Structures are given as C-alpha cells and as structure tokens.
C-alpha cells in the first residue's frame, strides 16, 4: 500500500473508487478533467491490488467565501477540495488529515476548511476530533454541505482540539529518547541530517497522528495528558553521539497506562494495535514478559525542520551531558528555544 502524489492526468478516473464522488457531484468528471488539463496533482492511496483506496486534493485560496452561509471573510486558507477514503481499519483518514495540516504549516496558513455532506458522519467526526467546527453551510444543486473550519491559532484548550499546536506553558516538557530502530518505525519522516527539509516532502506515507509506545524508563509513568515530548533519536553508532544523536519531533501526551492494567492480552492488544508500530507477535511478547510496563499514547504534532544534535543541546541549550538522557525534564523556555531553533514557526507554540 502506498500514498503518493500523482498528477490528475495520471490517475484513473474510471476506477470504481470514484463512483460515489460522481454520484454526489454531477460535475465531478468535468472538474477532474479540468484539473488534469491544468497540470494539478493530488494525493492517492493505492492498495496492494493497485486499486485506489484514498484520494486527497488540497488547494490554497486567498479570498472570501461568499457562497456559504454565513459568508467567511477573505483570508489565506487551505481548502481540502476533495477527500474520500475506503475505510479498512488502517487509520488512513488520520494520515490524510495530517497531510493537510502539514501543507498548512509549510505554507504558514492558520485556517483550513472543507465542505462535507452531513450523511458522511464518520468523515465529519474525524474532522471534529481535531478541532474543525461547523462554520456554515454551502447550498448547491447537489445539495447542502456543511462547511467545517479549523483555526490553527485558536485559543489553546486541549491537545487534540488544538492539534497541531504544542503547549510548553505548564513546565511539563520532557525529552524522550528512542533507539533508531523504534524511532524509524514510529516517526519515519525524520531524516538523519541537520539540513532544512520540507515537512511536506519529508513526511512518510506511514505517518499517522497517534502513536503508542512501550517503555521501561523510570519516570515515564508520571506523564499525563497535555505533557509535551521532545523526541530524541539516539546514536546509530555510525559516529560520535555528540553528532549522531538528534532531536527530531515534538509530540503531545494523550494518555499513559500500565501494562498491568489489562487483565488479558486481547484487551491489551485492542488498546495498542490501532496506533502501534509493533507486530502482533511483538505485542504478545511485551504482554507476556511485562518488560516494557509503561504505555504512552501520544500525538505526533510537529517535525523539526533542522535536527539539533546532542552537542548543540549541551553547548547551546545547557542540557547536562552527565544526566540520564533516556527521559529528562526540560524547562519551558528551553523547550521553546529548541523548537524555534529547529525551525518550528513560533505561532505553533503556546507559551
């Protein structure tokens, strides 16, 4: 399975996937052909058989929305022009939502909107989970659609409703280290260099918003919802840790549980599997041995455009090289400085 960017002209409009879109929108085929002739592109998710299971078209607009009730004033916005998913239990919808957020962040946009028929209740719920609200209605010859609007710079209230903002205010900010093999599976967008990289180009198709990670590091059991995690990728032993160990990403804790809370494996598996990068065999082994008792569920919010090395963290940000770097508390101001130095727009940091 693969999520790729494709020119409209290279996408098969006759794929059965598009039948429902043609049914909902009488002009869909004409619109698709227009985009093909204009050289536009979209994201397409292909299944193992080569058929289409997901489609996402994004467009930056800089105008008022006078065709909705009530009208929305002029602003630079990202429009999710078309989004359709064949659900099959892989959280593909979250991957597409994250792709939209990545585009908005890369282009410094603070508003995203989408129009959806209310009958698509699962899709409406997906957007509302991440802070989209009903801002109006759009009436066309195809029917009445809801206008869902997300303001990224809204007043902070909750890690998910305000996704992808990161909150460094409560001074509950922590560095969490991951070995390279786990880091690659959890956050495969991160590359091991210190050059600026486009978030949009860098984010792998395997990314989803939520992650589940198991650990035995002391202190992690005290994490709570809303804590901020700075992800530290340990050295791959290809050179000194001072240059090979880097911070790569910022995440927000959703929940922390003990593996011993689960009375049986099936209960544990149902909790972890939807957001875990571990295989069923690995999860079964973890549950049997209980050697990684702390389960952290967190949202993957922002990738640092510039990976900051261990040496820089010590020399420029004052981290103690003799302290345990598996799990370390960071001061709010230090966390903010690292984020900004790593290329995260300051508007995405709540302080």
Protein backbone atom coordinates (compact mmCIF):
# COMPACT_ATOMS: atom_id res chain seq x y z
CA UNK A 1 0.00 0.00 0.00
CA UNK A 2 1.31 3.43 -0.82
CA UNK A 3 0.33 7.09 -0.52
CA UNK A 4 1.79 9.08 -3.39
CA UNK A 5 1.40 12.42 -5.14
CA UNK A 6 0.05 11.98 -8.66
CA UNK A 7 -0.88 14.34 -11.46
CA UNK A 8 -4.59 14.19 -12.20
CA UNK A 9 -3.75 13.15 -15.76
CA UNK A 10 -2.06 10.02 -14.38
CA UNK A 11 -4.99 8.99 -12.13
CA UNK A 12 -7.58 6.58 -13.50
CA UNK A 13 -10.94 8.34 -13.23
CA UNK A 14 -12.63 5.08 -14.23
CA UNK A 15 -11.51 3.37 -11.04
CA UNK A 16 -14.63 2.25 -9.13
CA UNK A 17 -13.37 4.29 -6.19
CA UNK A 18 -14.64 7.47 -7.86
CA UNK A 19 -18.18 6.20 -8.47
CA UNK A 20 -19.61 7.64 -5.23
CA UNK A 21 -17.99 11.02 -5.90
CA UNK A 22 -19.54 11.06 -9.36
CA UNK A 23 -22.87 10.25 -7.71
CA UNK A 24 -22.59 13.01 -5.09
CA UNK A 25 -21.27 15.65 -7.52
CA UNK A 26 -22.70 15.66 -11.02
CA UNK A 27 -19.87 17.84 -12.28
CA UNK A 28 -17.08 15.71 -10.76
CA UNK A 29 -15.84 14.24 -14.04
CA UNK A 30 -15.69 17.68 -15.67
CA UNK A 31 -13.87 19.08 -12.65
CA UNK A 32 -11.41 16.19 -12.70
CA UNK A 33 -10.70 16.71 -16.41
CA UNK A 34 -10.15 20.43 -15.83
CA UNK A 35 -7.60 19.68 -13.11
CA UNK A 36 -5.87 17.20 -15.40
CA UNK A 37 -5.55 19.78 -18.19
CA UNK A 38 -4.25 22.38 -15.71
CA UNK A 39 -1.46 20.05 -14.56
CA UNK A 40 -2.72 19.82 -10.98
CA UNK A 41 -1.91 16.96 -8.63
CA UNK A 42 -3.47 15.14 -5.68
CA UNK A 43 -2.57 12.50 -3.12
CA UNK A 44 -3.69 8.98 -3.97
CA UNK A 45 -3.57 5.90 -1.77
CA UNK A 46 -3.19 2.66 -3.70
CA UNK A 47 -3.98 -0.71 -2.14
CA UNK A 48 -1.97 -3.88 -2.67
CA UNK A 49 -4.04 -4.75 -5.73
CA UNK A 50 -3.30 -1.43 -7.41
CA UNK A 51 -6.78 -0.03 -6.86
CA UNK A 52 -7.46 3.34 -5.24
CA UNK A 53 -8.49 3.42 -1.58
CA UNK A 54 -7.98 7.12 -0.83
CA UNK A 55 -7.88 10.49 -2.60
CA UNK A 56 -6.96 13.94 -1.30
CA UNK A 57 -6.85 17.23 -3.19
CA UNK A 58 -5.56 20.38 -1.48
CA UNK A 59 -5.70 23.97 -2.68
CA UNK A 60 -4.51 27.28 -1.21
CA UNK A 61 -7.06 30.07 -1.52
CA UNK A 62 -6.85 33.80 -0.78
CA UNK A 63 -10.40 35.04 -1.00
CA UNK A 64 -13.68 35.36 0.83
CA UNK A 65 -16.22 32.55 0.78
CA UNK A 66 -19.34 34.34 -0.40
CA UNK A 67 -21.11 31.16 -1.49
CA UNK A 68 -21.52 29.85 2.07
CA UNK A 69 -23.98 30.91 4.77
CA UNK A 70 -22.85 32.85 6.68
CA UNK A 71 -20.06 34.13 4.38
CA UNK A 72 -16.46 33.85 5.55
CA UNK A 73 -14.20 36.91 5.17
CA UNK A 74 -11.16 36.99 2.92
CA UNK A 75 -8.18 35.07 4.28
CA UNK A 76 -5.41 32.76 3.11
CA UNK A 77 -6.81 29.29 3.72
CA UNK A 78 -6.09 25.74 2.79
CA UNK A 79 -9.08 24.10 1.15
CA UNK A 80 -9.46 20.36 1.37
CA UNK A 81 -11.04 20.25 -2.06
CA UNK A 82 -11.77 16.55 -2.22
CA UNK A 83 -11.25 13.83 0.37
CA UNK A 84 -12.55 10.29 0.11
CA UNK A 85 -11.41 7.13 1.85
CA UNK A 86 -12.38 3.49 1.61
CA UNK A 87 -12.22 2.58 5.32
CA UNK A 88 -10.29 -0.60 6.03
CA UNK A 89 -9.00 -0.20 9.57
CA UNK A 90 -5.63 1.40 8.86
CA UNK A 91 -6.38 4.93 10.12
CA UNK A 92 -5.95 6.25 6.60
CA UNK A 93 -8.25 9.17 7.38
CA UNK A 94 -5.85 10.39 10.05
CA UNK A 95 -2.96 10.18 7.60
CA UNK A 96 -4.84 12.39 5.16
CA UNK A 97 -5.81 14.87 7.87
CA UNK A 98 -2.17 15.07 8.94
CA UNK A 99 -1.13 15.64 5.34
CA UNK A 100 -3.50 18.63 5.21
CA UNK A 101 -2.03 20.01 8.43
CA UNK A 102 1.50 19.55 7.05
CA UNK A 103 0.60 21.61 3.99
CA UNK A 104 -0.96 24.35 6.10
CA UNK A 105 2.09 24.54 8.36
CA UNK A 106 4.55 24.53 5.48
CA UNK A 107 2.69 27.41 3.83
CA UNK A 108 2.13 29.31 7.11
CA UNK A 109 -1.64 29.09 6.87
CA UNK A 110 -3.77 29.33 10.01
CA UNK A 111 -7.11 28.21 8.56
CA UNK A 112 -8.23 25.01 6.85
CA UNK A 113 -11.72 24.30 5.59
CA UNK A 114 -13.65 21.53 3.92
CA UNK A 115 -17.23 21.04 2.74
CA UNK A 116 -18.87 17.72 3.58
CA UNK A 117 -22.36 16.30 3.24
CA UNK A 118 -23.73 15.57 6.72
CA UNK A 119 -24.56 12.00 5.63
CA UNK A 120 -20.83 11.28 5.74
CA UNK A 121 -20.94 11.25 9.53
CA UNK A 122 -17.68 9.34 10.04
CA UNK A 123 -15.79 11.91 7.99
CA UNK A 124 -17.43 14.80 9.86
CA UNK A 125 -16.48 13.20 13.19
CA UNK A 126 -12.90 12.73 12.00
CA UNK A 127 -12.51 16.43 11.29
CA UNK A 128 -14.24 17.50 14.51
CA UNK A 129 -11.86 15.32 16.53
CA UNK A 130 -9.06 17.69 15.54
CA UNK A 131 -10.85 20.95 16.15
CA UNK A 132 -12.83 21.57 12.98
CA UNK A 133 -16.14 23.28 13.76
CA UNK A 134 -19.26 23.85 11.68
CA UNK A 135 -18.86 27.39 10.35
CA UNK A 136 -21.80 27.42 7.94
CA UNK A 137 -23.49 25.66 5.05
CA UNK A 138 -23.00 25.63 1.31
CA UNK A 139 -26.01 25.11 -0.92
CA UNK A 140 -25.54 23.82 -4.48
CA UNK A 141 -27.57 21.84 -7.00
CA UNK A 142 -26.00 18.72 -5.45
CA UNK A 143 -27.49 19.51 -2.04
CA UNK A 144 -26.48 21.25 1.19
CA UNK A 145 -22.98 20.65 2.57
CA UNK A 146 -21.55 21.53 5.98
CA UNK A 147 -18.63 23.96 5.97
CA UNK A 148 -16.07 22.74 8.54
CA UNK A 149 -13.39 25.24 9.55
CA UNK A 150 -10.21 24.74 11.56
CA UNK A 151 -8.28 27.69 13.03
CA UNK A 152 -4.81 26.54 13.97
CA UNK A 153 -4.09 29.64 16.05
CA UNK A 154 -7.22 29.38 18.20
CA UNK A 155 -7.04 29.76 21.98
CA UNK A 156 -5.48 26.62 23.44
CA UNK A 157 -7.74 24.24 25.36
CA UNK A 158 -6.93 20.62 24.53
CA UNK A 159 -4.10 18.65 22.85
CA UNK A 160 -6.35 17.21 20.14
CA UNK A 161 -8.82 20.04 19.61
CA UNK A 162 -5.87 22.39 19.15
CA UNK A 163 -3.73 19.97 17.16
CA UNK A 164 -1.00 20.55 15.95
CA UNK A 165 -0.14 23.31 18.45
CA UNK A 166 2.32 22.39 21.21
CA UNK A 167 1.84 23.75 24.72
CA UNK A 168 5.03 24.48 26.67
CA UNK A 169 3.38 26.60 29.40
CA UNK A 170 2.90 24.17 32.32
CA UNK A 171 6.65 23.42 32.54
CA UNK A 172 5.79 19.78 31.92
CA UNK A 173 8.10 19.31 28.98
CA UNK A 174 10.28 16.24 28.61
CA UNK A 175 12.95 14.77 26.39
CA UNK A 176 12.12 11.17 25.48
CA UNK A 177 14.78 9.08 23.78
CA UNK A 178 14.11 6.37 21.18
CA UNK A 179 16.55 3.89 19.75
CA UNK A 180 16.92 4.32 15.95
CA UNK A 181 15.01 1.12 15.11
CA UNK A 182 11.97 2.28 17.10
CA UNK A 183 12.28 5.89 16.00
CA UNK A 184 12.21 4.93 12.34
CA UNK A 185 9.05 2.91 12.82
CA UNK A 186 7.26 5.48 14.97
CA UNK A 187 8.33 8.67 13.18
CA UNK A 188 9.60 7.66 9.74
CA UNK A 189 9.54 11.21 8.43
CA UNK A 190 12.71 12.08 10.33
CA UNK A 191 15.97 12.05 8.43
CA UNK A 192 19.40 11.93 9.99
CA UNK A 193 20.97 15.22 8.98
CA UNK A 194 20.89 18.82 10.14
CA UNK A 195 19.81 20.46 6.91
CA UNK A 196 16.46 22.13 6.49
CA UNK A 197 13.90 19.79 4.97
CA UNK A 198 10.40 20.39 3.73
CA UNK A 199 7.82 18.93 6.07
CA UNK A 200 5.56 18.19 3.12
CA UNK A 201 8.24 16.32 1.16
CA UNK A 202 9.64 14.62 4.22
CA UNK A 203 6.56 13.10 5.79
CA UNK A 204 6.24 9.42 5.01
CA UNK A 205 3.00 7.77 3.96
CA UNK A 206 3.22 5.61 7.07
CA UNK A 207 2.70 8.58 9.38
CA UNK A 208 -0.46 8.86 11.42
CA UNK A 209 -1.39 11.37 14.07
CA UNK A 210 -1.44 9.00 17.04
CA UNK A 211 1.30 6.70 18.32
CA UNK A 212 1.58 4.09 21.04
CA UNK A 213 4.99 3.41 22.58
CA UNK A 214 6.01 0.97 25.31
CA UNK A 215 8.94 1.71 27.60
CA UNK A 216 10.55 0.81 30.91
CA UNK A 217 12.27 4.15 31.54
CA UNK A 218 11.81 5.33 35.09
CA UNK A 219 9.72 8.48 35.44
CA UNK A 220 7.64 7.99 32.29
CA UNK A 221 4.82 6.54 34.39
CA UNK A 222 4.26 10.06 35.80
CA UNK A 223 3.48 11.57 32.40
CA UNK A 224 -0.04 12.89 31.95
CA UNK A 225 -2.32 14.25 29.24
CA UNK A 226 -1.07 17.54 27.81
CA UNK A 227 2.62 16.98 28.58
CA UNK A 228 4.98 17.87 25.74
CA UNK A 229 7.59 15.40 24.47
CA UNK A 230 10.73 16.32 22.56
CA UNK A 231 11.74 13.14 20.73
CA UNK A 232 15.46 12.36 20.88
CA UNK A 233 16.83 9.83 18.41
CA UNK A 234 19.84 8.13 19.95
CA UNK A 235 23.02 7.48 18.03
CA UNK A 236 23.14 4.82 15.33
CA UNK A 237 26.76 4.17 16.36
CA UNK A 238 27.99 5.31 12.95
CA UNK A 239 29.86 8.13 14.69
CA UNK A 240 30.10 10.00 18.00
CA UNK A 241 26.76 10.50 19.77
CA UNK A 242 27.58 14.19 20.05
CA UNK A 243 26.94 14.48 16.31
CA UNK A 244 24.72 11.45 15.56
CA UNK A 245 22.12 11.76 18.33
CA UNK A 246 19.48 14.36 17.43
CA UNK A 247 16.10 15.74 18.47
CA UNK A 248 13.61 15.37 15.63
CA UNK A 249 9.98 15.89 16.63
CA UNK A 250 7.55 17.36 19.14
CA UNK A 251 4.62 15.32 20.43
CA UNK A 252 1.81 15.73 22.97
CA UNK A 253 0.88 13.08 25.53
CA UNK A 254 -2.70 11.84 25.33
CA UNK A 255 -2.66 9.08 27.91
CA UNK A 256 -0.30 6.92 29.98
CA UNK A 257 -1.26 3.45 31.17
CA UNK A 258 0.42 0.48 32.84
CA UNK A 259 0.53 -2.83 31.02
CA UNK A 260 -0.62 -4.43 34.26
CA UNK A 261 -3.98 -2.65 33.99
CA UNK A 262 -5.01 -5.05 31.25
CA UNK A 263 -6.49 -8.30 32.54
CA UNK A 264 -5.79 -10.25 29.35
CA UNK A 265 -3.79 -9.98 26.16
CA UNK A 266 -6.79 -9.35 23.91
CA UNK A 267 -7.71 -6.23 25.91
CA UNK A 268 -4.11 -5.00 25.75
CA UNK A 269 -3.95 -5.76 22.03
CA UNK A 270 -7.16 -3.86 21.25
CA UNK A 271 -5.76 -0.81 23.02
CA UNK A 272 -2.35 -0.81 21.37
CA UNK A 273 -2.88 -2.23 17.89
CA UNK A 274 -4.68 0.68 16.17
CA UNK A 275 -1.76 3.05 16.78
CA UNK A 276 1.14 0.70 17.36
CA UNK A 277 4.05 0.07 15.03
CA UNK A 278 4.65 -3.26 16.75
CA UNK A 279 3.56 -6.55 15.20
CA UNK A 280 1.06 -8.81 16.96
CA UNK A 281 3.93 -11.15 17.83
CA UNK A 282 5.92 -8.31 19.38
CA UNK A 283 2.91 -7.11 21.36
CA UNK A 284 2.26 -10.64 22.59
CA UNK A 285 5.86 -10.87 23.77
CA UNK A 286 5.69 -7.48 25.52
CA UNK A 287 2.50 -8.52 27.32
CA UNK A 288 3.90 -11.88 28.40
CA UNK A 289 7.19 -10.53 29.73
CA UNK A 290 5.91 -7.18 31.09
CA UNK A 291 9.42 -5.85 30.48
CA UNK A 292 8.09 -2.60 28.99
CA UNK A 293 5.34 -1.77 31.50
CA UNK A 294 4.61 1.89 30.64
CA UNK A 295 2.36 2.54 27.64
CA UNK A 296 2.47 6.09 26.28
CA UNK A 297 -0.11 7.18 23.75
CA UNK A 298 0.82 10.49 22.14
CA UNK A 299 0.04 12.62 19.11
CA UNK A 300 2.74 13.36 16.57
CA UNK A 301 2.45 17.13 16.15
CA UNK A 302 5.47 18.72 14.52
CA UNK A 303 8.73 17.68 12.88
CA UNK A 304 11.78 19.86 13.41
CA UNK A 305 12.98 21.12 10.04
CA UNK A 306 16.53 21.18 11.40
CA UNK A 307 17.59 18.28 13.58
CA UNK A 308 19.56 19.54 16.58
CA UNK A 309 22.46 17.39 17.76
CA UNK A 310 23.34 16.26 21.26
CA UNK A 311 26.39 18.50 21.13
CA UNK A 312 24.26 21.57 20.37
CA UNK A 313 21.81 20.67 23.12
CA UNK A 314 24.70 20.64 25.60
CA UNK A 315 26.66 23.63 24.31
CA UNK A 316 23.84 25.98 23.25
CA UNK A 317 20.86 24.97 25.38
CA UNK A 318 22.56 23.97 28.61
CA UNK A 319 21.45 20.35 28.86
CA UNK A 320 23.56 18.39 31.34
CA UNK A 321 25.62 15.80 29.46
CA UNK A 322 26.01 13.76 32.66
CA UNK A 323 22.27 13.47 33.30
CA UNK A 324 20.24 10.46 32.13
CA UNK A 325 19.06 11.27 28.59
CA UNK A 326 16.53 8.49 28.31
CA UNK A 327 13.88 10.64 29.94
CA UNK A 328 14.64 14.18 31.09
CA UNK A 329 12.56 17.16 32.21
CA UNK A 330 13.07 20.37 30.22
CA UNK A 331 12.31 23.92 31.28
CA UNK A 332 9.57 25.61 29.27
CA UNK A 333 11.89 28.30 27.93
CA UNK A 334 14.45 25.68 26.88
CA UNK A 335 11.78 23.69 25.09
CA UNK A 336 10.56 26.77 23.25
CA UNK A 337 14.07 27.77 22.19
CA UNK A 338 14.79 24.28 20.85
CA UNK A 339 11.56 24.28 18.86
CA UNK A 340 12.28 27.67 17.30
CA UNK A 341 15.91 26.81 16.56
CA UNK A 342 14.65 23.61 14.99
CA UNK A 343 12.57 25.60 12.51
CA UNK A 344 9.11 25.37 14.08
CA UNK A 345 7.07 28.51 13.49
CA UNK A 346 6.63 30.37 16.77
CA UNK A 347 2.91 30.73 16.10
CA UNK A 348 2.54 26.99 16.65
CA UNK A 349 3.99 27.19 20.18
CA UNK A 350 1.72 28.08 23.09
CA UNK A 351 3.72 29.75 25.87
